[in-house]
Amino acid sequence: MKVKGAAGAGEKARRLILKRHPGATRILFRRIDNMGHSWLVEGEVWFKRLRLFTVKRNFKIEIDTEKGEVVSFQEERPHRFKP
């Protein structure tokens, strides 16, 4: 299914994140860019672990404009200490 606009790309990314992390408490999109043939969505997600700890992850998702499929998905922990 074709992805139309930044709102469509954001909704597709939100559904993917909620599928991977059902206990997500907050999803923040920092950047949604159209790269011609795909949409790039970057942001942060907070989710609960063991009902006690909240974990933060940065994500980067690339979504194909024509097919609506996820081309790439990267998720990483932010650095705790910055020099």
PDB file of N, CA and C in Angstrom:
ATOM      1  N   MET A   1       0.844  -1.176   0.000  1.00  0.00           N
ATOM      2  CA  MET A   1       0.000   0.000   0.000  1.00  0.00           C
ATOM      3  C   MET A   1       0.889   1.238   0.000  1.00  0.00           C
ATOM      4  N   LYS A   2       0.573   2.171  -0.841  1.00  0.00           N
ATOM      5  CA  LYS A   2       1.368   3.378  -1.017  1.00  0.00           C
ATOM      6  C   LYS A   2       1.295   4.277   0.226  1.00  0.00           C
ATOM      7  N   VAL A   3       2.444   4.815   0.630  1.00  0.00           N
ATOM      8  CA  VAL A   3       2.512   5.724   1.776  1.00  0.00           C
ATOM      9  C   VAL A   3       2.368   7.146   1.259  1.00  0.00           C
ATOM     10  N   LYS A   4       1.350   7.849   1.742  1.00  0.00           N
ATOM     11  CA  LYS A   4       1.086   9.207   1.284  1.00  0.00           C
ATOM     12  C   LYS A   4       1.396  10.195   2.403  1.00  0.00           C
ATOM     13  N   GLY A   5       2.411  10.993   2.212  1.00  0.00           N
ATOM     14  CA  GLY A   5       2.720  12.071   3.136  1.00  0.00           C
ATOM     15  C   GLY A   5       3.452  11.637   4.390  1.00  0.00           C
ATOM     16  N   ALA A   6       3.870  12.656   5.143  1.00  0.00           N
ATOM     17  CA  ALA A   6       4.622  12.424   6.377  1.00  0.00           C
ATOM     18  C   ALA A   6       3.743  11.773   7.444  1.00  0.00           C
ATOM     19  N   ALA A   7       2.471  12.105   7.453  1.00  0.00           N
ATOM     20  CA  ALA A   7       1.569  11.514   8.445  1.00  0.00           C
ATOM     21  C   ALA A   7       1.422  10.012   8.223  1.00  0.00           C
ATOM     22  N   GLY A   8       1.348   9.591   6.981  1.00  0.00           N
ATOM     23  CA  GLY A   8       1.263   8.163   6.670  1.00  0.00           C
ATOM     24  C   GLY A   8       2.528   7.419   7.057  1.00  0.00           C
ATOM     25  N   ALA A   9       3.678   8.038   6.811  1.00  0.00           N
ATOM     26  CA  ALA A   9       4.953   7.418   7.186  1.00  0.00           C
ATOM     27  C   ALA A   9       5.075   7.322   8.703  1.00  0.00           C
ATOM     28  N   GLY A  10       4.649   8.367   9.407  1.00  0.00           N
ATOM     29  CA  GLY A  10       4.698   8.346  10.866  1.00  0.00           C
ATOM     30  C   GLY A  10       3.785   7.287  11.455  1.00  0.00           C
ATOM     31  N   GLU A  11       2.600   7.123  10.872  1.00  0.00           N
ATOM     32  CA  GLU A  11       1.665   6.111  11.363  1.00  0.00           C
ATOM     33  C   GLU A  11       2.196   4.702  11.108  1.00  0.00           C
ATOM     34  N   LYS A  12       2.806   4.485   9.955  1.00  0.00           N
ATOM     35  CA  LYS A  12       3.404   3.184   9.642  1.00  0.00           C
ATOM     36  C   LYS A  12       4.538   2.872  10.626  1.00  0.00           C
ATOM     37  N   ALA A  13       5.374   3.867  10.921  1.00  0.00           N
ATOM     38  CA  ALA A  13       6.464   3.682  11.877  1.00  0.00           C
ATOM     39  C   ALA A  13       5.928   3.421  13.286  1.00  0.00           C
ATOM     40  N   ARG A  14       4.879   4.133  13.675  1.00  0.00           N
ATOM     41  CA  ARG A  14       4.275   3.941  15.004  1.00  0.00           C
ATOM     42  C   ARG A  14       3.750   2.510  15.158  1.00  0.00           C
ATOM     43  N   ARG A  15       3.076   1.989  14.120  1.00  0.00           N
ATOM     44  CA  ARG A  15       2.565   0.623  14.178  1.00  0.00           C
ATOM     45  C   ARG A  15       3.693  -0.401  14.290  1.00  0.00           C
ATOM     46  N   LEU A  16       4.802  -0.172  13.561  1.00  0.00           N
ATOM     47  CA  LEU A  16       5.947  -1.083  13.630  1.00  0.00           C
ATOM     48  C   LEU A  16       6.570  -1.084  15.025  1.00  0.00           C
ATOM     49  N   ILE A  17       6.723   0.085  15.625  1.00  0.00           N
ATOM     50  CA  ILE A  17       7.328   0.185  16.954  1.00  0.00           C
ATOM     51  C   ILE A  17       6.432  -0.466  18.005  1.00  0.00           C
ATOM     52  N   LEU A  18       5.122  -0.232  17.917  1.00  0.00           N
ATOM     53  CA  LEU A  18       4.213  -0.847  18.879  1.00  0.00           C
ATOM     54  C   LEU A  18       4.151  -2.364  18.720  1.00  0.00           C
ATOM     55  N   LYS A  19       4.418  -2.864  17.525  1.00  0.00           N
ATOM     56  CA  LYS A  19       4.473  -4.304  17.315  1.00  0.00           C
ATOM     57  C   LYS A  19       5.725  -4.885  17.968  1.00  0.00           C
ATOM     58  N   ARG A  20       6.859  -4.169  17.857  1.00  0.00           N
ATOM     59  CA  ARG A  20       8.108  -4.637  18.454  1.00  0.00           C
ATOM     60  C   ARG A  20       8.136  -4.443  19.968  1.00  0.00           C
ATOM     61  N   HIS A  21       7.578  -3.334  20.448  1.00  0.00           N
ATOM     62  CA  HIS A  21       7.579  -3.014  21.883  1.00  0.00           C
ATOM     63  C   HIS A  21       6.147  -2.709  22.328  1.00  0.00           C
ATOM     64  N   PRO A  22       5.379  -3.736  22.680  1.00  0.00           N
ATOM     65  CA  PRO A  22       3.978  -3.501  23.056  1.00  0.00           C
ATOM     66  C   PRO A  22       3.817  -2.619  24.300  1.00  0.00           C
ATOM     67  N   GLY A  23       4.820  -2.568  25.154  1.00  0.00           N
ATOM     68  CA  GLY A  23       4.735  -1.758  26.365  1.00  0.00           C
ATOM     69  C   GLY A  23       5.290  -0.359  26.202  1.00  0.00           C
ATOM     70  N   ALA A  24       5.318   0.151  24.976  1.00  0.00           N
ATOM     71  CA  ALA A  24       5.871   1.491  24.737  1.00  0.00           C
ATOM     72  C   ALA A  24       5.017   2.538  25.440  1.00  0.00           C
ATOM     73  N   THR A  25       5.675   3.396  26.206  1.00  0.00           N
ATOM     74  CA  THR A  25       4.959   4.440  26.924  1.00  0.00           C
ATOM     75  C   THR A  25       4.996   5.770  26.196  1.00  0.00           C
ATOM     76  N   ARG A  26       6.031   5.976  25.365  1.00  0.00           N
ATOM     77  CA  ARG A  26       6.164   7.248  24.659  1.00  0.00           C
ATOM     78  C   ARG A  26       6.945   7.033  23.365  1.00  0.00           C
ATOM     79  N   ILE A  27       6.453   7.611  22.275  1.00  0.00           N
ATOM     80  CA  ILE A  27       7.140   7.578  20.989  1.00  0.00           C
ATOM     81  C   ILE A  27       7.282   9.015  20.511  1.00  0.00           C
ATOM     82  N   LEU A  28       8.507   9.422  20.237  1.00  0.00           N
ATOM     83  CA  LEU A  28       8.782  10.787  19.813  1.00  0.00           C
ATOM     84  C   LEU A  28       9.483  10.743  18.461  1.00  0.00           C
ATOM     85  N   PHE A  29       8.897  11.397  17.460  1.00  0.00           N
ATOM     86  CA  PHE A  29       9.515  11.484  16.143  1.00  0.00           C
ATOM     87  C   PHE A  29      10.333  12.761  16.076  1.00  0.00           C
ATOM     88  N   ARG A  30      11.619  12.628  15.780  1.00  0.00           N
ATOM     89  CA  ARG A  30      12.496  13.794  15.636  1.00  0.00           C
ATOM     90  C   ARG A  30      12.514  14.308  14.205  1.00  0.00           C
ATOM     91  N   ARG A  31      12.453  13.373  13.241  1.00  0.00           N
ATOM     92  CA  ARG A  31      12.599  13.774  11.845  1.00  0.00           C
ATOM     93  C   ARG A  31      11.853  12.797  10.942  1.00  0.00           C
ATOM     94  N   ILE A  32      11.070  13.353  10.012  1.00  0.00           N
ATOM     95  CA  ILE A  32      10.423  12.564   8.968  1.00  0.00           C
ATOM     96  C   ILE A  32      10.744  13.252   7.650  1.00  0.00           C
ATOM     97  N   ASP A  33      11.561  12.597   6.813  1.00  0.00           N
ATOM     98  CA  ASP A  33      12.016  13.189   5.560  1.00  0.00           C
ATOM     99  C   ASP A  33      11.643  12.310   4.376  1.00  0.00           C
ATOM    100  N   ASN A  34      11.297  12.957   3.267  1.00  0.00           N
ATOM    101  CA  ASN A  34      11.044  12.253   2.019  1.00  0.00           C
ATOM    102  C   ASN A  34      12.354  12.208   1.235  1.00  0.00           C
ATOM    103  N   MET A  35      12.794  11.000   0.903  1.00  0.00           N
ATOM    104  CA  MET A  35      14.051  10.836   0.169  1.00  0.00           C
ATOM    105  C   MET A  35      13.775  10.402  -1.266  1.00  0.00           C
ATOM    106  N   GLY A  36      12.636  10.798  -1.836  1.00  0.00           N
ATOM    107  CA  GLY A  36      12.293  10.435  -3.202  1.00  0.00           C
ATOM    108  C   GLY A  36      11.584   9.103  -3.278  1.00  0.00           C
ATOM    109  N   HIS A  37      12.311   8.017  -3.175  1.00  0.00           N
ATOM    110  CA  HIS A  37      11.741   6.672  -3.273  1.00  0.00           C
ATOM    111  C   HIS A  37      11.379   6.086  -1.905  1.00  0.00           C
ATOM    112  N   SER A  38      11.717   6.789  -0.830  1.00  0.00           N
ATOM    113  CA  SER A  38      11.427   6.263   0.501  1.00  0.00           C
ATOM    114  C   SER A  38      11.280   7.401   1.516  1.00  0.00           C
ATOM    115  N   TRP A  39      10.708   7.056   2.656  1.00  0.00           N
ATOM    116  CA  TRP A  39      10.581   7.981   3.778  1.00  0.00           C
ATOM    117  C   TRP A  39      11.548   7.557   4.867  1.00  0.00           C
ATOM    118  N   LEU A  40      12.220   8.526   5.486  1.00  0.00           N
ATOM    119  CA  LEU A  40      13.124   8.261   6.602  1.00  0.00           C
ATOM    120  C   LEU A  40      12.488   8.821   7.868  1.00  0.00           C
ATOM    121  N   VAL A  41      12.298   7.959   8.865  1.00  0.00           N
ATOM    122  CA  VAL A  41      11.681   8.353  10.131  1.00  0.00           C
ATOM    123  C   VAL A  41      12.692   8.093  11.239  1.00  0.00           C
ATOM    124  N   GLU A  42      13.049   9.133  11.990  1.00  0.00           N
ATOM    125  CA  GLU A  42      13.973   9.003  13.115  1.00  0.00           C
ATOM    126  C   GLU A  42      13.283   9.495  14.380  1.00  0.00           C
ATOM    127  N   GLY A  43      13.647   8.886  15.510  1.00  0.00           N
ATOM    128  CA  GLY A  43      13.054   9.321  16.767  1.00  0.00           C
ATOM    129  C   GLY A  43      13.510   8.489  17.940  1.00  0.00           C
ATOM    130  N   GLU A  44      12.718   8.566  19.020  1.00  0.00           N
ATOM    131  CA  GLU A  44      13.026   7.870  20.272  1.00  0.00           C
ATOM    132  C   GLU A  44      11.780   7.147  20.763  1.00  0.00           C
ATOM    133  N   VAL A  45      12.003   6.042  21.440  1.00  0.00           N
ATOM    134  CA  VAL A  45      10.904   5.295  22.048  1.00  0.00           C
ATOM    135  C   VAL A  45      11.293   4.935  23.478  1.00  0.00           C
ATOM    136  N   TRP A  46      10.355   5.082  24.401  1.00  0.00           N
ATOM    137  CA  TRP A  46      10.537   4.666  25.789  1.00  0.00           C
ATOM    138  C   TRP A  46       9.574   3.521  26.036  1.00  0.00           C
ATOM    139  N   PHE A  47      10.076   2.457  26.688  1.00  0.00           N
ATOM    140  CA  PHE A  47       9.209   1.330  27.014  1.00  0.00           C
ATOM    141  C   PHE A  47       9.614   0.730  28.345  1.00  0.00           C
ATOM    142  N   LYS A  48       8.675   0.007  28.945  1.00  0.00           N
ATOM    143  CA  LYS A  48       8.881  -0.579  30.266  1.00  0.00           C
ATOM    144  C   LYS A  48       9.532  -1.944  30.157  1.00  0.00           C
ATOM    145  N   ARG A  49      10.425  -2.213  31.098  1.00  0.00           N
ATOM    146  CA  ARG A  49      11.042  -3.521  31.261  1.00  0.00           C
ATOM    147  C   ARG A  49      10.789  -3.978  32.692  1.00  0.00           C
ATOM    148  N   LEU A  50      10.236  -5.142  32.837  1.00  0.00           N
ATOM    149  CA  LEU A  50       9.982  -5.753  34.150  1.00  0.00           C
ATOM    150  C   LEU A  50       9.143  -4.867  35.064  1.00  0.00           C
ATOM    151  N   ARG A  51       8.315  -4.004  34.503  1.00  0.00           N
ATOM    152  CA  ARG A  51       7.407  -3.108  35.229  1.00  0.00           C
ATOM    153  C   ARG A  51       8.104  -2.109  36.143  1.00  0.00           C
ATOM    154  N   LEU A  52       9.426  -2.126  36.192  1.00  0.00           N
ATOM    155  CA  LEU A  52      10.155  -1.222  37.079  1.00  0.00           C
ATOM    156  C   LEU A  52      10.990  -0.208  36.311  1.00  0.00           C
ATOM    157  N   PHE A  53      11.617  -0.648  35.234  1.00  0.00           N
ATOM    158  CA  PHE A  53      12.591   0.174  34.544  1.00  0.00           C
ATOM    159  C   PHE A  53      12.039   0.690  33.222  1.00  0.00           C
ATOM    160  N   THR A  54      12.319   1.934  32.937  1.00  0.00           N
ATOM    161  CA  THR A  54      11.978   2.516  31.653  1.00  0.00           C
ATOM    162  C   THR A  54      13.253   2.603  30.824  1.00  0.00           C
ATOM    163  N   VAL A  55      13.202   2.084  29.611  1.00  0.00           N
ATOM    164  CA  VAL A  55      14.352   2.027  28.731  1.00  0.00           C
ATOM    165  C   VAL A  55      14.097   2.938  27.540  1.00  0.00           C
ATOM    166  N   LYS A  56      15.136   3.666  27.130  1.00  0.00           N
ATOM    167  CA  LYS A  56      15.021   4.558  25.988  1.00  0.00           C
ATOM    168  C   LYS A  56      15.865   4.009  24.840  1.00  0.00           C
ATOM    169  N   ARG A  57      15.303   4.014  23.635  1.00  0.00           N
ATOM    170  CA  ARG A  57      16.021   3.576  22.438  1.00  0.00           C
ATOM    171  C   ARG A  57      15.823   4.603  21.330  1.00  0.00           C
ATOM    172  N   ASN A  58      16.862   4.836  20.554  1.00  0.00           N
ATOM    173  CA  ASN A  58      16.771   5.644  19.344  1.00  0.00           C
ATOM    174  C   ASN A  58      16.480   4.707  18.183  1.00  0.00           C
ATOM    175  N   PHE A  59      15.669   5.150  17.240  1.00  0.00           N
ATOM    176  CA  PHE A  59      15.370   4.312  16.090  1.00  0.00           C
ATOM    177  C   PHE A  59      15.472   5.109  14.796  1.00  0.00           C
ATOM    178  N   LYS A  60      15.708   4.376  13.712  1.00  0.00           N
ATOM    179  CA  LYS A  60      15.754   4.933  12.372  1.00  0.00           C
ATOM    180  C   LYS A  60      15.072   3.919  11.461  1.00  0.00           C
ATOM    181  N   ILE A  61      13.991   4.349  10.803  1.00  0.00           N
ATOM    182  CA  ILE A  61      13.204   3.460   9.950  1.00  0.00           C
ATOM    183  C   ILE A  61      13.141   4.064   8.556  1.00  0.00           C
ATOM    184  N   GLU A  62      13.364   3.231   7.548  1.00  0.00           N
ATOM    185  CA  GLU A  62      13.214   3.661   6.164  1.00  0.00           C
ATOM    186  C   GLU A  62      12.058   2.869   5.556  1.00  0.00           C
ATOM    187  N   ILE A  63      11.066   3.593   5.008  1.00  0.00           N
ATOM    188  CA  ILE A  63       9.850   2.992   4.475  1.00  0.00           C
ATOM    189  C   ILE A  63       9.763   3.285   2.982  1.00  0.00           C
ATOM    190  N   ASP A  64       9.517   2.259   2.172  1.00  0.00           N
ATOM    191  CA  ASP A  64       9.365   2.414   0.726  1.00  0.00           C
ATOM    192  C   ASP A  64       8.075   3.181   0.427  1.00  0.00           C
ATOM    193  N   THR A  65       8.151   4.179  -0.459  1.00  0.00           N
ATOM    194  CA  THR A  65       7.006   5.024  -0.772  1.00  0.00           C
ATOM    195  C   THR A  65       5.944   4.265  -1.559  1.00  0.00           C
ATOM    196  N   GLU A  66       6.344   3.472  -2.529  1.00  0.00           N
ATOM    197  CA  GLU A  66       5.397   2.799  -3.408  1.00  0.00           C
ATOM    198  C   GLU A  66       4.727   1.588  -2.753  1.00  0.00           C
ATOM    199  N   LYS A  67       5.521   0.720  -2.134  1.00  0.00           N
ATOM    200  CA  LYS A  67       4.994  -0.522  -1.579  1.00  0.00           C
ATOM    201  C   LYS A  67       4.528  -0.391  -0.137  1.00  0.00           C
ATOM    202  N   GLY A  68       5.065   0.588   0.600  1.00  0.00           N
ATOM    203  CA  GLY A  68       4.711   0.749   2.002  1.00  0.00           C
ATOM    204  C   GLY A  68       5.413  -0.235   2.912  1.00  0.00           C
ATOM    205  N   GLU A  69       6.444  -0.906   2.412  1.00  0.00           N
ATOM    206  CA  GLU A  69       7.184  -1.881   3.207  1.00  0.00           C
ATOM    207  C   GLU A  69       8.369  -1.218   3.905  1.00  0.00           C
ATOM    208  N   VAL A  70       8.774  -1.798   4.999  1.00  0.00           N
ATOM    209  CA  VAL A  70       9.934  -1.307   5.739  1.00  0.00           C
ATOM    210  C   VAL A  70      11.191  -1.824   5.042  1.00  0.00           C
ATOM    211  N   VAL A  71      12.035  -0.895   4.598  1.00  0.00           N
ATOM    212  CA  VAL A  71      13.271  -1.246   3.911  1.00  0.00           C
ATOM    213  C   VAL A  71      14.368  -1.547   4.924  1.00  0.00           C
ATOM    214  N   SER A  72      14.503  -0.684   5.926  1.00  0.00           N
ATOM    215  CA  SER A  72      15.507  -0.922   6.967  1.00  0.00           C
ATOM    216  C   SER A  72      14.986  -0.399   8.306  1.00  0.00           C
ATOM    217  N   PHE A  73      15.444  -1.064   9.363  1.00  0.00           N
ATOM    218  CA  PHE A  73      15.069  -0.686  10.723  1.00  0.00           C
ATOM    219  C   PHE A  73      16.307  -0.796  11.593  1.00  0.00           C
ATOM    220  N   GLN A  74      16.682   0.302  12.236  1.00  0.00           N
ATOM    221  CA  GLN A  74      17.827   0.298  13.142  1.00  0.00           C
ATOM    222  C   GLN A  74      17.361   0.816  14.493  1.00  0.00           C
ATOM    223  N   GLU A  75      17.846   0.156  15.527  1.00  0.00           N
ATOM    224  CA  GLU A  75      17.492   0.570  16.888  1.00  0.00           C
ATOM    225  C   GLU A  75      18.758   0.481  17.736  1.00  0.00           C
ATOM    226  N   GLU A  76      19.024   1.516  18.514  1.00  0.00           N
ATOM    227  CA  GLU A  76      20.236   1.502  19.335  1.00  0.00           C
ATOM    228  C   GLU A  76      19.989   2.216  20.653  1.00  0.00           C
ATOM    229  N   ARG A  77      20.773   1.831  21.629  1.00  0.00           N
ATOM    230  CA  ARG A  77      20.716   2.504  22.926  1.00  0.00           C
ATOM    231  C   ARG A  77      21.517   3.791  22.840  1.00  0.00           C
ATOM    232  N   PRO A  78      21.013   4.870  23.410  1.00  0.00           N
ATOM    233  CA  PRO A  78      21.805   6.109  23.406  1.00  0.00           C
ATOM    234  C   PRO A  78      23.003   5.971  24.347  1.00  0.00           C
ATOM    235  N   HIS A  79      24.029   6.751  24.084  1.00  0.00           N
ATOM    236  CA  HIS A  79      25.225   6.731  24.929  1.00  0.00           C
ATOM    237  C   HIS A  79      24.922   7.408  26.257  1.00  0.00           C
ATOM    238  N   ARG A  80      25.389   6.806  27.325  1.00  0.00           N
ATOM    239  CA  ARG A  80      25.136   7.377  28.656  1.00  0.00           C
ATOM    240  C   ARG A  80      26.058   8.558  28.940  1.00  0.00           C
ATOM    241  N   PHE A  81      27.309   8.374  28.638  1.00  0.00           N
ATOM    242  CA  PHE A  81      28.286   9.405  28.968  1.00  0.00           C
ATOM    243  C   PHE A  81      28.843  10.015  27.691  1.00  0.00           C
ATOM    244  N   LYS A  82      28.788  11.304  27.599  1.00  0.00           N
ATOM    245  CA  LYS A  82      29.336  11.992  26.434  1.00  0.00           C
ATOM    246  C   LYS A  82      30.618  12.724  26.854  1.00  0.00           C
ATOM    247  N   PRO A  83      31.695  12.507  26.108  1.00  0.00           N
ATOM    248  CA  PRO A  83      32.975  13.154  26.486  1.00  0.00           C
ATOM    249  C   PRO A  83      32.948  14.639  26.228  1.00  0.00           C
TER     250      PRO A  83
END
